N, C-alpha and C. Protein backbone atom coordinates (compact mmCIF):
# COMPACT_ATOMS: atom_id res chain seq x y z
N MET A 1 -68.58 -27.94 -17.14
CA MET A 1 -67.60 -27.89 -16.08
C MET A 1 -67.19 -26.43 -15.86
N LYS A 2 -67.25 -25.99 -14.62
CA LYS A 2 -66.80 -24.64 -14.25
C LYS A 2 -65.37 -24.75 -13.74
N ILE A 3 -64.49 -23.93 -14.33
CA ILE A 3 -63.07 -23.96 -13.97
C ILE A 3 -62.66 -22.60 -13.43
N LEU A 4 -61.97 -22.61 -12.31
CA LEU A 4 -61.36 -21.40 -11.78
C LEU A 4 -59.86 -21.50 -12.01
N HIS A 5 -59.28 -20.46 -12.58
CA HIS A 5 -57.84 -20.43 -12.82
C HIS A 5 -57.25 -19.30 -11.98
N ILE A 6 -56.22 -19.63 -11.20
CA ILE A 6 -55.55 -18.60 -10.39
C ILE A 6 -54.04 -18.70 -10.61
N THR A 7 -53.36 -17.63 -10.29
CA THR A 7 -51.90 -17.60 -10.41
C THR A 7 -51.32 -16.62 -9.39
N ASP A 8 -50.05 -16.76 -9.14
CA ASP A 8 -49.30 -15.81 -8.30
C ASP A 8 -49.91 -15.60 -6.91
N ILE A 9 -50.11 -16.70 -6.22
CA ILE A 9 -50.59 -16.65 -4.85
C ILE A 9 -49.51 -16.05 -3.94
N HIS A 10 -48.26 -16.37 -4.22
CA HIS A 10 -47.10 -15.85 -3.47
C HIS A 10 -47.28 -15.98 -1.96
N SER A 11 -47.72 -17.17 -1.53
CA SER A 11 -47.87 -17.51 -0.11
C SER A 11 -48.90 -16.65 0.62
N ASN A 12 -49.79 -15.99 -0.10
CA ASN A 12 -50.85 -15.22 0.54
C ASN A 12 -52.02 -16.17 0.79
N PHE A 13 -51.93 -16.93 1.85
CA PHE A 13 -52.88 -18.01 2.11
C PHE A 13 -54.24 -17.52 2.60
N ASP A 14 -54.29 -16.35 3.23
CA ASP A 14 -55.60 -15.80 3.63
C ASP A 14 -56.43 -15.49 2.40
N THR A 15 -55.80 -14.92 1.38
CA THR A 15 -56.51 -14.63 0.13
C THR A 15 -56.92 -15.93 -0.55
N LEU A 16 -56.05 -16.93 -0.53
CA LEU A 16 -56.38 -18.22 -1.13
C LEU A 16 -57.64 -18.79 -0.47
N ARG A 17 -57.71 -18.73 0.85
CA ARG A 17 -58.90 -19.23 1.56
C ARG A 17 -60.16 -18.48 1.12
N THR A 18 -60.03 -17.21 0.86
CA THR A 18 -61.17 -16.39 0.46
C THR A 18 -61.64 -16.72 -0.96
N ILE A 19 -60.69 -16.99 -1.84
CA ILE A 19 -61.01 -17.25 -3.25
C ILE A 19 -61.64 -18.62 -3.45
N ILE A 20 -61.16 -19.61 -2.74
CA ILE A 20 -61.58 -20.98 -2.96
C ILE A 20 -62.88 -21.25 -2.21
N VAL A 21 -63.99 -21.11 -2.93
CA VAL A 21 -65.31 -21.30 -2.34
C VAL A 21 -65.89 -22.62 -2.86
N PRO A 22 -66.05 -23.61 -1.98
CA PRO A 22 -66.61 -24.90 -2.43
C PRO A 22 -67.97 -24.72 -3.10
N ASN A 23 -68.24 -25.61 -4.04
CA ASN A 23 -69.51 -25.67 -4.77
C ASN A 23 -69.70 -24.51 -5.75
N LYS A 24 -68.70 -23.69 -5.99
CA LYS A 24 -68.82 -22.61 -6.96
C LYS A 24 -68.18 -22.99 -8.29
N PHE A 25 -67.30 -24.00 -8.28
CA PHE A 25 -66.63 -24.47 -9.49
C PHE A 25 -66.22 -25.91 -9.30
N ASP A 26 -65.89 -26.56 -10.42
CA ASP A 26 -65.59 -28.00 -10.40
C ASP A 26 -64.11 -28.32 -10.40
N LEU A 27 -63.31 -27.39 -10.90
CA LEU A 27 -61.89 -27.65 -11.08
C LEU A 27 -61.11 -26.36 -10.86
N LEU A 28 -59.99 -26.47 -10.18
CA LEU A 28 -59.10 -25.33 -9.97
C LEU A 28 -57.79 -25.61 -10.67
N LEU A 29 -57.33 -24.64 -11.47
CA LEU A 29 -56.02 -24.72 -12.12
C LEU A 29 -55.16 -23.59 -11.60
N ILE A 30 -53.92 -23.93 -11.24
CA ILE A 30 -53.00 -22.93 -10.68
C ILE A 30 -51.77 -22.85 -11.57
N SER A 31 -51.48 -21.65 -12.04
CA SER A 31 -50.34 -21.51 -12.96
C SER A 31 -49.13 -20.85 -12.30
N GLY A 32 -48.77 -21.35 -11.15
CA GLY A 32 -47.48 -21.03 -10.57
C GLY A 32 -47.41 -19.89 -9.57
N ASP A 33 -46.21 -19.77 -9.00
CA ASP A 33 -45.92 -18.85 -7.90
C ASP A 33 -46.91 -19.07 -6.75
N ILE A 34 -47.02 -20.32 -6.38
CA ILE A 34 -47.85 -20.70 -5.24
C ILE A 34 -47.19 -20.18 -3.96
N THR A 35 -45.87 -20.25 -3.92
CA THR A 35 -45.11 -19.73 -2.77
C THR A 35 -44.38 -18.45 -3.18
N HIS A 36 -43.85 -17.78 -2.20
CA HIS A 36 -43.03 -16.59 -2.46
C HIS A 36 -41.59 -16.93 -2.08
N PHE A 37 -40.92 -17.60 -3.01
CA PHE A 37 -39.56 -18.08 -2.81
C PHE A 37 -39.50 -19.10 -1.68
N GLY A 38 -40.62 -19.79 -1.47
CA GLY A 38 -40.71 -20.77 -0.41
C GLY A 38 -40.54 -22.18 -0.93
N GLY A 39 -40.39 -23.08 0.01
CA GLY A 39 -40.23 -24.49 -0.31
C GLY A 39 -41.47 -25.28 0.01
N THR A 40 -41.25 -26.54 0.33
CA THR A 40 -42.39 -27.44 0.52
C THR A 40 -43.23 -27.10 1.75
N SER A 41 -42.66 -26.45 2.75
CA SER A 41 -43.48 -26.11 3.93
C SER A 41 -44.58 -25.12 3.53
N ASP A 42 -44.24 -24.12 2.72
CA ASP A 42 -45.26 -23.18 2.22
C ASP A 42 -46.24 -23.90 1.30
N LEU A 43 -45.71 -24.74 0.43
CA LEU A 43 -46.56 -25.48 -0.49
C LEU A 43 -47.54 -26.37 0.26
N LYS A 44 -47.06 -27.02 1.33
CA LYS A 44 -47.94 -27.88 2.13
C LYS A 44 -49.09 -27.09 2.73
N THR A 45 -48.85 -25.85 3.13
CA THR A 45 -49.92 -25.00 3.65
C THR A 45 -50.97 -24.76 2.58
N ALA A 46 -50.54 -24.45 1.38
CA ALA A 46 -51.48 -24.24 0.27
C ALA A 46 -52.27 -25.52 -0.01
N ILE A 47 -51.59 -26.65 -0.03
CA ILE A 47 -52.25 -27.93 -0.31
C ILE A 47 -53.28 -28.27 0.77
N GLU A 48 -52.96 -27.99 2.03
CA GLU A 48 -53.92 -28.24 3.11
C GLU A 48 -55.19 -27.43 2.88
N ILE A 49 -55.03 -26.18 2.48
CA ILE A 49 -56.19 -25.32 2.20
C ILE A 49 -56.98 -25.89 1.03
N LEU A 50 -56.30 -26.24 -0.04
CA LEU A 50 -56.96 -26.77 -1.23
C LEU A 50 -57.65 -28.10 -0.95
N ASP A 51 -56.97 -28.98 -0.26
CA ASP A 51 -57.55 -30.29 0.06
C ASP A 51 -58.80 -30.16 0.94
N SER A 52 -58.81 -29.17 1.81
CA SER A 52 -59.95 -29.02 2.73
C SER A 52 -61.23 -28.63 1.98
N THR A 53 -61.12 -28.14 0.75
CA THR A 53 -62.31 -27.73 -0.01
C THR A 53 -62.96 -28.91 -0.73
N GLY A 54 -62.21 -29.97 -0.97
CA GLY A 54 -62.74 -31.10 -1.71
C GLY A 54 -62.82 -30.87 -3.22
N ILE A 55 -62.29 -29.76 -3.70
CA ILE A 55 -62.32 -29.42 -5.13
C ILE A 55 -61.09 -30.02 -5.81
N ALA A 56 -61.30 -30.59 -6.99
CA ALA A 56 -60.17 -31.12 -7.77
C ALA A 56 -59.28 -29.96 -8.21
N TYR A 57 -57.97 -30.17 -8.16
CA TYR A 57 -57.05 -29.11 -8.60
C TYR A 57 -55.77 -29.72 -9.16
N TYR A 58 -55.15 -28.95 -10.05
CA TYR A 58 -53.86 -29.29 -10.64
C TYR A 58 -53.07 -28.01 -10.78
N ALA A 59 -51.73 -28.15 -10.85
CA ALA A 59 -50.90 -26.96 -10.85
C ALA A 59 -49.59 -27.15 -11.61
N VAL A 60 -49.02 -26.03 -11.97
CA VAL A 60 -47.62 -25.95 -12.38
C VAL A 60 -46.96 -24.97 -11.41
N THR A 61 -45.66 -25.04 -11.30
CA THR A 61 -44.96 -24.10 -10.43
C THR A 61 -44.49 -22.90 -11.25
N GLY A 62 -44.23 -21.81 -10.56
CA GLY A 62 -43.74 -20.59 -11.21
C GLY A 62 -42.27 -20.36 -10.91
N ASN A 63 -41.77 -19.25 -11.37
CA ASN A 63 -40.35 -18.95 -11.18
C ASN A 63 -40.01 -18.67 -9.71
N CYS A 64 -40.99 -18.28 -8.91
CA CYS A 64 -40.73 -17.99 -7.49
C CYS A 64 -40.93 -19.19 -6.57
N ASP A 65 -41.29 -20.34 -7.15
CA ASP A 65 -41.40 -21.58 -6.38
C ASP A 65 -40.07 -22.33 -6.50
N LYS A 66 -39.55 -22.80 -5.39
CA LYS A 66 -38.30 -23.57 -5.46
C LYS A 66 -38.54 -24.89 -6.19
N PRO A 67 -37.51 -25.42 -6.85
CA PRO A 67 -37.66 -26.69 -7.59
C PRO A 67 -38.23 -27.84 -6.75
N GLU A 68 -37.97 -27.84 -5.46
CA GLU A 68 -38.50 -28.90 -4.60
C GLU A 68 -40.03 -28.90 -4.58
N CYS A 69 -40.64 -27.74 -4.86
CA CYS A 69 -42.11 -27.66 -4.91
C CYS A 69 -42.66 -28.48 -6.07
N GLU A 70 -41.97 -28.43 -7.20
CA GLU A 70 -42.40 -29.22 -8.36
C GLU A 70 -42.38 -30.71 -8.02
N GLN A 71 -41.31 -31.16 -7.39
CA GLN A 71 -41.21 -32.57 -7.04
C GLN A 71 -42.30 -32.97 -6.05
N TYR A 72 -42.60 -32.09 -5.10
CA TYR A 72 -43.65 -32.38 -4.13
C TYR A 72 -45.01 -32.51 -4.84
N LEU A 73 -45.30 -31.58 -5.77
CA LEU A 73 -46.55 -31.67 -6.53
C LEU A 73 -46.62 -32.95 -7.34
N ARG A 74 -45.49 -33.36 -7.92
CA ARG A 74 -45.45 -34.61 -8.69
C ARG A 74 -45.77 -35.81 -7.78
N ASN A 75 -45.13 -35.84 -6.63
CA ASN A 75 -45.36 -36.94 -5.68
C ASN A 75 -46.81 -36.96 -5.20
N TYR A 76 -47.40 -35.80 -5.12
CA TYR A 76 -48.78 -35.64 -4.65
C TYR A 76 -49.79 -35.82 -5.79
N LEU A 77 -49.29 -36.06 -7.01
CA LEU A 77 -50.10 -36.27 -8.21
C LEU A 77 -50.95 -35.06 -8.58
N LYS A 78 -50.40 -33.86 -8.36
CA LYS A 78 -51.11 -32.62 -8.69
C LYS A 78 -50.38 -31.80 -9.75
N SER A 79 -49.20 -32.22 -10.14
CA SER A 79 -48.43 -31.48 -11.14
C SER A 79 -48.87 -31.87 -12.55
N ILE A 80 -49.01 -30.87 -13.41
CA ILE A 80 -49.27 -31.14 -14.83
C ILE A 80 -48.10 -30.65 -15.68
N ASP A 81 -46.95 -30.40 -15.05
CA ASP A 81 -45.75 -30.01 -15.80
C ASP A 81 -45.27 -31.19 -16.65
N SER A 82 -45.25 -31.00 -17.96
CA SER A 82 -44.82 -32.04 -18.91
C SER A 82 -45.61 -33.34 -18.73
N ASN A 83 -46.79 -33.22 -18.22
CA ASN A 83 -47.63 -34.37 -17.92
C ASN A 83 -49.00 -34.14 -18.54
N VAL A 84 -49.74 -35.19 -18.79
CA VAL A 84 -51.10 -35.08 -19.30
C VAL A 84 -52.02 -35.83 -18.36
N VAL A 85 -53.04 -35.15 -17.89
CA VAL A 85 -54.06 -35.74 -17.04
C VAL A 85 -55.36 -35.72 -17.82
N ASP A 86 -55.94 -36.89 -18.03
CA ASP A 86 -57.20 -36.98 -18.75
C ASP A 86 -58.37 -36.90 -17.78
N LEU A 87 -59.20 -35.90 -17.99
CA LEU A 87 -60.45 -35.79 -17.26
C LEU A 87 -61.55 -36.35 -18.16
N GLU A 88 -62.78 -36.21 -17.74
CA GLU A 88 -63.88 -36.79 -18.50
C GLU A 88 -63.92 -36.34 -19.96
N THR A 89 -63.89 -35.04 -20.20
CA THR A 89 -64.07 -34.52 -21.56
C THR A 89 -62.87 -33.75 -22.10
N VAL A 90 -61.86 -33.58 -21.29
CA VAL A 90 -60.72 -32.75 -21.69
C VAL A 90 -59.46 -33.27 -20.99
N SER A 91 -58.32 -32.99 -21.60
CA SER A 91 -57.04 -33.32 -20.97
C SER A 91 -56.41 -32.03 -20.43
N LEU A 92 -55.60 -32.17 -19.41
CA LEU A 92 -54.85 -31.05 -18.83
C LEU A 92 -53.37 -31.30 -19.04
N THR A 93 -52.65 -30.25 -19.34
CA THR A 93 -51.20 -30.33 -19.42
C THR A 93 -50.62 -28.97 -19.07
N GLY A 94 -49.32 -28.91 -18.84
CA GLY A 94 -48.75 -27.63 -18.47
C GLY A 94 -47.24 -27.60 -18.48
N LEU A 95 -46.74 -26.43 -18.14
CA LEU A 95 -45.31 -26.17 -18.16
C LEU A 95 -44.96 -25.29 -16.96
N SER A 96 -44.09 -25.80 -16.11
CA SER A 96 -43.68 -25.06 -14.92
C SER A 96 -42.52 -24.12 -15.20
N GLY A 97 -42.32 -23.17 -14.27
CA GLY A 97 -41.18 -22.27 -14.32
C GLY A 97 -41.33 -21.13 -15.31
N SER A 98 -40.23 -20.42 -15.50
CA SER A 98 -40.23 -19.30 -16.43
C SER A 98 -38.88 -19.24 -17.14
N LEU A 99 -38.84 -18.39 -18.14
CA LEU A 99 -37.56 -18.09 -18.77
C LEU A 99 -36.70 -17.32 -17.77
N HIS A 100 -35.44 -17.16 -18.07
CA HIS A 100 -34.55 -16.43 -17.17
C HIS A 100 -35.04 -15.01 -16.96
N CYS A 101 -35.03 -14.59 -15.71
CA CYS A 101 -35.55 -13.27 -15.31
C CYS A 101 -34.39 -12.31 -15.10
N PRO A 102 -34.67 -11.00 -15.17
CA PRO A 102 -33.61 -10.03 -14.89
C PRO A 102 -33.00 -10.20 -13.49
N GLY A 103 -33.87 -10.49 -12.50
CA GLY A 103 -33.40 -10.84 -11.17
C GLY A 103 -33.48 -12.35 -11.04
N LYS A 104 -32.50 -12.97 -10.48
CA LYS A 104 -32.45 -14.44 -10.40
C LYS A 104 -33.59 -14.97 -9.53
N THR A 105 -34.34 -15.93 -10.08
CA THR A 105 -35.38 -16.63 -9.32
C THR A 105 -35.07 -18.13 -9.36
N PRO A 106 -35.64 -18.90 -8.43
CA PRO A 106 -35.19 -20.30 -8.28
C PRO A 106 -35.68 -21.31 -9.32
N ASN A 107 -36.62 -20.94 -10.19
CA ASN A 107 -37.22 -21.94 -11.07
C ASN A 107 -37.24 -21.43 -12.51
N GLU A 108 -36.06 -21.28 -13.09
CA GLU A 108 -35.93 -20.72 -14.43
C GLU A 108 -35.40 -21.76 -15.41
N PHE A 109 -35.83 -21.60 -16.66
CA PHE A 109 -35.43 -22.52 -17.73
C PHE A 109 -35.08 -21.72 -18.99
N SER A 110 -34.42 -22.39 -19.91
CA SER A 110 -34.10 -21.76 -21.20
C SER A 110 -35.19 -22.11 -22.21
N GLU A 111 -35.19 -21.43 -23.33
CA GLU A 111 -36.11 -21.78 -24.41
C GLU A 111 -35.88 -23.23 -24.86
N LYS A 112 -34.61 -23.66 -24.84
CA LYS A 112 -34.28 -25.03 -25.22
C LYS A 112 -34.94 -26.02 -24.25
N ASP A 113 -34.91 -25.71 -22.96
CA ASP A 113 -35.57 -26.56 -21.95
C ASP A 113 -37.07 -26.63 -22.22
N PHE A 114 -37.66 -25.47 -22.50
CA PHE A 114 -39.10 -25.43 -22.79
C PHE A 114 -39.42 -26.27 -24.02
N ALA A 115 -38.60 -26.16 -25.06
CA ALA A 115 -38.83 -26.92 -26.29
C ALA A 115 -38.82 -28.42 -26.00
N ALA A 116 -37.89 -28.86 -25.17
CA ALA A 116 -37.80 -30.29 -24.83
C ALA A 116 -39.05 -30.74 -24.07
N LYS A 117 -39.48 -29.94 -23.09
CA LYS A 117 -40.68 -30.29 -22.32
C LYS A 117 -41.92 -30.29 -23.21
N LEU A 118 -42.03 -29.31 -24.09
CA LEU A 118 -43.19 -29.23 -24.98
C LEU A 118 -43.23 -30.40 -25.95
N SER A 119 -42.07 -30.88 -26.34
CA SER A 119 -41.99 -32.06 -27.20
C SER A 119 -42.54 -33.29 -26.47
N ILE A 120 -42.20 -33.42 -25.21
CA ILE A 120 -42.72 -34.52 -24.39
C ILE A 120 -44.24 -34.43 -24.30
N ILE A 121 -44.75 -33.22 -24.07
CA ILE A 121 -46.20 -33.02 -23.98
C ILE A 121 -46.87 -33.43 -25.29
N GLU A 122 -46.31 -32.98 -26.41
CA GLU A 122 -46.90 -33.30 -27.72
C GLU A 122 -47.00 -34.81 -27.94
N GLN A 123 -46.02 -35.53 -27.47
CA GLN A 123 -46.04 -36.99 -27.62
C GLN A 123 -47.12 -37.65 -26.76
N LYS A 124 -47.44 -37.02 -25.64
CA LYS A 124 -48.42 -37.60 -24.72
C LYS A 124 -49.87 -37.23 -25.06
N LEU A 125 -50.07 -36.12 -25.74
CA LEU A 125 -51.43 -35.67 -26.06
C LEU A 125 -52.04 -36.53 -27.16
N ARG A 126 -53.34 -36.75 -27.06
CA ARG A 126 -54.07 -37.45 -28.12
C ARG A 126 -54.62 -36.38 -29.07
N PRO A 127 -54.29 -36.48 -30.36
CA PRO A 127 -54.66 -35.44 -31.33
C PRO A 127 -56.15 -35.09 -31.38
N SER A 128 -57.00 -36.06 -31.18
CA SER A 128 -58.44 -35.81 -31.32
C SER A 128 -59.09 -35.28 -30.03
N ARG A 129 -58.33 -35.18 -28.97
CA ARG A 129 -58.91 -34.80 -27.68
C ARG A 129 -58.58 -33.35 -27.34
N PRO A 130 -59.58 -32.55 -26.95
CA PRO A 130 -59.28 -31.17 -26.55
C PRO A 130 -58.46 -31.15 -25.26
N PHE A 131 -57.63 -30.12 -25.13
CA PHE A 131 -56.82 -30.01 -23.92
C PHE A 131 -56.72 -28.57 -23.46
N ILE A 132 -56.40 -28.42 -22.18
CA ILE A 132 -56.14 -27.12 -21.58
C ILE A 132 -54.67 -27.09 -21.23
N PHE A 133 -54.00 -26.02 -21.66
CA PHE A 133 -52.57 -25.85 -21.40
C PHE A 133 -52.39 -24.76 -20.35
N VAL A 134 -51.69 -25.09 -19.27
CA VAL A 134 -51.47 -24.18 -18.16
C VAL A 134 -49.98 -23.92 -18.03
N ALA A 135 -49.58 -22.65 -18.06
CA ALA A 135 -48.16 -22.31 -17.92
C ALA A 135 -48.02 -21.03 -17.12
N HIS A 136 -46.91 -20.93 -16.42
CA HIS A 136 -46.61 -19.68 -15.72
C HIS A 136 -46.04 -18.66 -16.71
N GLN A 137 -45.21 -19.13 -17.60
CA GLN A 137 -44.59 -18.27 -18.60
C GLN A 137 -45.59 -17.95 -19.71
N PRO A 138 -45.80 -16.69 -20.04
CA PRO A 138 -46.71 -16.39 -21.14
C PRO A 138 -46.07 -16.67 -22.49
N PRO A 139 -46.89 -16.84 -23.52
CA PRO A 139 -46.33 -16.99 -24.87
C PRO A 139 -45.78 -15.65 -25.36
N TYR A 140 -44.85 -15.73 -26.28
CA TYR A 140 -44.22 -14.54 -26.85
C TYR A 140 -45.22 -13.72 -27.67
N ASN A 141 -45.02 -12.40 -27.65
CA ASN A 141 -45.75 -11.45 -28.49
C ASN A 141 -47.25 -11.45 -28.19
N THR A 142 -47.56 -11.39 -26.91
CA THR A 142 -48.94 -11.25 -26.46
C THR A 142 -49.00 -10.10 -25.46
N LEU A 143 -50.19 -9.69 -25.10
CA LEU A 143 -50.32 -8.62 -24.10
C LEU A 143 -49.78 -9.04 -22.75
N ASN A 144 -49.78 -10.36 -22.47
CA ASN A 144 -49.34 -10.84 -21.17
C ASN A 144 -47.84 -10.89 -20.99
N ASP A 145 -47.08 -10.73 -22.05
CA ASP A 145 -45.63 -10.85 -21.91
C ASP A 145 -44.90 -9.52 -22.04
N LYS A 146 -45.63 -8.43 -22.04
CA LYS A 146 -44.99 -7.12 -22.22
C LYS A 146 -44.63 -6.47 -20.89
N LEU A 147 -43.40 -6.00 -20.83
CA LEU A 147 -42.98 -5.19 -19.69
C LEU A 147 -43.49 -3.76 -19.91
N VAL A 148 -43.38 -2.93 -18.90
CA VAL A 148 -43.79 -1.53 -19.05
C VAL A 148 -43.00 -0.82 -20.15
N THR A 149 -41.81 -1.31 -20.40
CA THR A 149 -40.97 -0.73 -21.45
C THR A 149 -41.44 -1.12 -22.85
N GLY A 150 -42.36 -2.08 -22.93
CA GLY A 150 -42.83 -2.57 -24.22
C GLY A 150 -42.09 -3.80 -24.70
N MET A 151 -41.04 -4.18 -23.98
CA MET A 151 -40.26 -5.35 -24.37
C MET A 151 -41.06 -6.64 -24.11
N HIS A 152 -41.02 -7.56 -25.08
CA HIS A 152 -41.68 -8.85 -24.91
C HIS A 152 -40.76 -9.82 -24.18
N THR A 153 -41.31 -10.53 -23.21
CA THR A 153 -40.52 -11.47 -22.42
C THR A 153 -41.06 -12.89 -22.49
N GLY A 154 -42.06 -13.12 -23.32
CA GLY A 154 -42.69 -14.44 -23.41
C GLY A 154 -41.84 -15.45 -24.14
N SER A 155 -42.29 -16.67 -24.10
CA SER A 155 -41.59 -17.79 -24.73
C SER A 155 -42.05 -17.99 -26.18
N LYS A 156 -41.08 -18.02 -27.07
CA LYS A 156 -41.38 -18.28 -28.49
C LYS A 156 -41.79 -19.74 -28.68
N ASN A 157 -41.24 -20.64 -27.89
CA ASN A 157 -41.61 -22.05 -28.00
C ASN A 157 -43.02 -22.31 -27.51
N ILE A 158 -43.44 -21.62 -26.46
CA ILE A 158 -44.81 -21.75 -25.99
C ILE A 158 -45.75 -21.21 -27.05
N ARG A 159 -45.39 -20.08 -27.63
CA ARG A 159 -46.23 -19.49 -28.71
C ARG A 159 -46.37 -20.48 -29.87
N LYS A 160 -45.28 -21.09 -30.26
CA LYS A 160 -45.30 -22.06 -31.36
C LYS A 160 -46.17 -23.26 -30.99
N PHE A 161 -46.06 -23.75 -29.77
CA PHE A 161 -46.85 -24.88 -29.31
C PHE A 161 -48.35 -24.57 -29.37
N ILE A 162 -48.71 -23.40 -28.90
CA ILE A 162 -50.12 -23.01 -28.89
C ILE A 162 -50.62 -22.88 -30.32
């Protein structure tokens, strides 16, 4: 199975159209910031583009996606936030949003919130089955969570889960 993983589209739908090439991969995973502080109207535009390709996809929302986007993805059966989707040989799961940011964004959670969601995921996963974990928030103490100042901003609970 060929998987394409993208993140931080930020409502740049022309680029999304360019990236999503049918028949080049089997599954698309999106780890948030599908919109740029947008709601369901922006999300619907992204979904129309994705649906037109015929490629299977699942997503979590990022800190710049409004909470209504998560609910829309859930209703559309494309959200893997605190959810487990079993594919043929692997399961998918994920975590939406981010920890609190220096500048306020619409989809932020605390470490305690993340711990609760990760606990739900752990209960749903089958121990013997491999899974892919998709999150917008990076795990703590990795290259992906460092600011230019060197400060780590990742989640300790995500790190522990991994």
